[in-house]
Every structure is written in structure tokens, then in C-alpha cells.
């Protein structure tokens, strides 16, 4: 996925729980409903926390992958 495939990005590399999800909570509100937000993190707990965040708040986790020591998520903002 290239930069033209998503609408915004959140760089949470080097941050540890709960910071990545706290930043995600703020950043997702800056994205229009239906748009894509790409999140890059290095904290392994994000593989648990970000899918739960999406589930509880009605966002769609479009893609999740591990690239070396980075975890990349693409989230489609829900209506809420």
C-alpha cells in the first residue's frame, strides 16, 4: 500500500502502551468517515489493542501486517 492509497497516517513508532492507542483515538477523529488511516507502530501490544479499538468504536480494520519490527494497520473510519 502506497501513500496514495490512504488518506492520513499516524507514526506511533517508539511509543509504548497506552500511547499508540491514545494517539490513534485523537488522530482518527481528524479523518473523515469512510477515509483510511495508516498506523505504523513498534509496540507488539498494538496487535491486540488496535483491533479491539476498531471493534469497540465501529471502525474497520482493513489491513494488518508485520514488517520487520514494525506493525502496520490500515483503518477505515466508521461513522461514529
C-alpha atoms as a PDB file:
ATOM      1  CA  UNK A   1       0.000   0.000   0.000  1.00  0.00           C
ATOM      2  CA  UNK A   2       1.415   3.361  -1.027  1.00  0.00           C
ATOM      3  CA  UNK A   3       0.780   6.816   0.425  1.00  0.00           C
ATOM      4  CA  UNK A   4      -1.809   7.499  -2.269  1.00  0.00           C
ATOM      5  CA  UNK A   5      -3.848   4.511  -1.043  1.00  0.00           C
ATOM      6  CA  UNK A   6      -4.700   6.068   2.347  1.00  0.00           C
ATOM      7  CA  UNK A   7      -5.848   9.491   3.483  1.00  0.00           C
ATOM      8  CA  UNK A   8      -3.777  10.055   6.632  1.00  0.00           C
ATOM      9  CA  UNK A   9      -1.006   8.450   8.668  1.00  0.00           C
ATOM     10  CA  UNK A  10      -0.100   8.099  12.324  1.00  0.00           C
ATOM     11  CA  UNK A  11       3.515   7.343  13.223  1.00  0.00           C
ATOM     12  CA  UNK A  12       3.496   5.681  16.664  1.00  0.00           C
ATOM     13  CA  UNK A  13       6.969   4.131  16.365  1.00  0.00           C
ATOM     14  CA  UNK A  14       8.910   4.092  19.609  1.00  0.00           C
ATOM     15  CA  UNK A  15       5.802   4.578  21.753  1.00  0.00           C
ATOM     16  CA  UNK A  16       4.506   2.029  24.246  1.00  0.00           C
ATOM     17  CA  UNK A  17       1.069   1.118  25.582  1.00  0.00           C
ATOM     18  CA  UNK A  18      -1.156   3.042  26.083  1.00  0.00           C
ATOM     19  CA  UNK A  19       0.316   5.883  23.971  1.00  0.00           C
ATOM     20  CA  UNK A  20      -0.273   4.439  20.463  1.00  0.00           C
ATOM     21  CA  UNK A  21      -3.984   3.873  21.108  1.00  0.00           C
ATOM     22  CA  UNK A  22      -4.375   7.246  22.826  1.00  0.00           C
ATOM     23  CA  UNK A  23      -2.810   8.930  19.789  1.00  0.00           C
ATOM     24  CA  UNK A  24      -4.985   6.825  17.477  1.00  0.00           C
ATOM     25  CA  UNK A  25      -8.098   7.925  19.335  1.00  0.00           C
ATOM     26  CA  UNK A  26      -7.208  11.577  18.669  1.00  0.00           C
ATOM     27  CA  UNK A  27      -5.996  11.067  15.080  1.00  0.00           C
ATOM     28  CA  UNK A  28      -8.998   9.030  13.884  1.00  0.00           C
ATOM     29  CA  UNK A  29     -11.238  11.990  14.774  1.00  0.00           C
ATOM     30  CA  UNK A  30      -9.290  14.136  12.306  1.00  0.00           C
ATOM     31  CA  UNK A  31     -10.097  11.729   9.456  1.00  0.00           C
ATOM     32  CA  UNK A  32     -13.421  11.923   7.634  1.00  0.00           C
ATOM     33  CA  UNK A  33     -15.786   8.923   7.982  1.00  0.00           C
ATOM     34  CA  UNK A  34     -15.009   6.324   5.307  1.00  0.00           C
ATOM     35  CA  UNK A  35     -11.425   7.509   4.855  1.00  0.00           C
ATOM     36  CA  UNK A  36      -8.335   5.396   5.535  1.00  0.00           C
ATOM     37  CA  UNK A  37      -5.788   5.978   8.291  1.00  0.00           C
ATOM     38  CA  UNK A  38      -2.471   4.120   8.205  1.00  0.00           C
ATOM     39  CA  UNK A  39      -0.840   3.480  11.587  1.00  0.00           C
ATOM     40  CA  UNK A  40       2.796   2.400  11.987  1.00  0.00           C
ATOM     41  CA  UNK A  41       3.859   1.187  15.445  1.00  0.00           C
ATOM     42  CA  UNK A  42       6.677  -0.777  17.064  1.00  0.00           C
ATOM     43  CA  UNK A  43       4.914  -1.874  20.263  1.00  0.00           C
ATOM     44  CA  UNK A  44       3.768  -5.516  19.924  1.00  0.00           C
ATOM     45  CA  UNK A  45       0.762  -4.796  22.160  1.00  0.00           C
ATOM     46  CA  UNK A  46      -0.752  -2.794  19.290  1.00  0.00           C
ATOM     47  CA  UNK A  47      -1.527  -6.097  17.546  1.00  0.00           C
ATOM     48  CA  UNK A  48      -4.037  -6.682  20.341  1.00  0.00           C
ATOM     49  CA  UNK A  49      -5.047  -3.117  21.183  1.00  0.00           C
ATOM     50  CA  UNK A  50      -5.718  -1.646  17.734  1.00  0.00           C
ATOM     51  CA  UNK A  51      -8.089  -4.417  16.550  1.00  0.00           C
ATOM     52  CA  UNK A  52     -10.015  -4.057  19.833  1.00  0.00           C
ATOM     53  CA  UNK A  53     -10.085  -0.280  19.416  1.00  0.00           C
ATOM     54  CA  UNK A  54     -11.626  -0.719  15.963  1.00  0.00           C
ATOM     55  CA  UNK A  55     -14.145  -3.299  17.148  1.00  0.00           C
ATOM     56  CA  UNK A  56     -15.356  -1.264  20.120  1.00  0.00           C
ATOM     57  CA  UNK A  57     -15.558   2.069  18.295  1.00  0.00           C
ATOM     58  CA  UNK A  58     -17.017   0.859  14.990  1.00  0.00           C
ATOM     59  CA  UNK A  59     -14.023   1.328  12.706  1.00  0.00           C
ATOM     60  CA  UNK A  60     -12.960  -1.243  10.096  1.00  0.00           C
ATOM     61  CA  UNK A  61      -9.504  -2.788  10.324  1.00  0.00           C
ATOM     62  CA  UNK A  62      -8.793  -3.086   6.606  1.00  0.00           C
ATOM     63  CA  UNK A  63      -5.230  -4.375   6.815  1.00  0.00           C
ATOM     64  CA  UNK A  64      -2.814  -5.545   9.479  1.00  0.00           C
ATOM     65  CA  UNK A  65       0.733  -6.684   8.804  1.00  0.00           C
ATOM     66  CA  UNK A  66       4.112  -7.046  10.447  1.00  0.00           C
ATOM     67  CA  UNK A  67       7.054  -5.625   8.519  1.00  0.00           C
ATOM     68  CA  UNK A  68      10.251  -6.484  10.366  1.00  0.00           C
ATOM     69  CA  UNK A  69       9.962  -4.809  13.760  1.00  0.00           C
ATOM     70  CA  UNK A  70       7.063  -2.592  12.697  1.00  0.00           C
ATOM     71  CA  UNK A  71       3.339  -3.234  12.829  1.00  0.00           C
ATOM     72  CA  UNK A  72       1.261  -1.566  10.139  1.00  0.00           C
ATOM     73  CA  UNK A  73      -2.507  -1.122  10.334  1.00  0.00           C
ATOM     74  CA  UNK A  74      -4.918   0.455   7.880  1.00  0.00           C
ATOM     75  CA  UNK A  75      -8.178   1.565   9.444  1.00  0.00           C
ATOM     76  CA  UNK A  76     -11.312   2.836   7.711  1.00  0.00           C
ATOM     77  CA  UNK A  77     -13.019   5.350   9.963  1.00  0.00           C
ATOM     78  CA  UNK A  78     -16.577   4.452  10.859  1.00  0.00           C
ATOM     79  CA  UNK A  79     -19.476   6.864  11.091  1.00  0.00           C
ATOM     80  CA  UNK A  80     -19.109   7.427  14.817  1.00  0.00           C
END
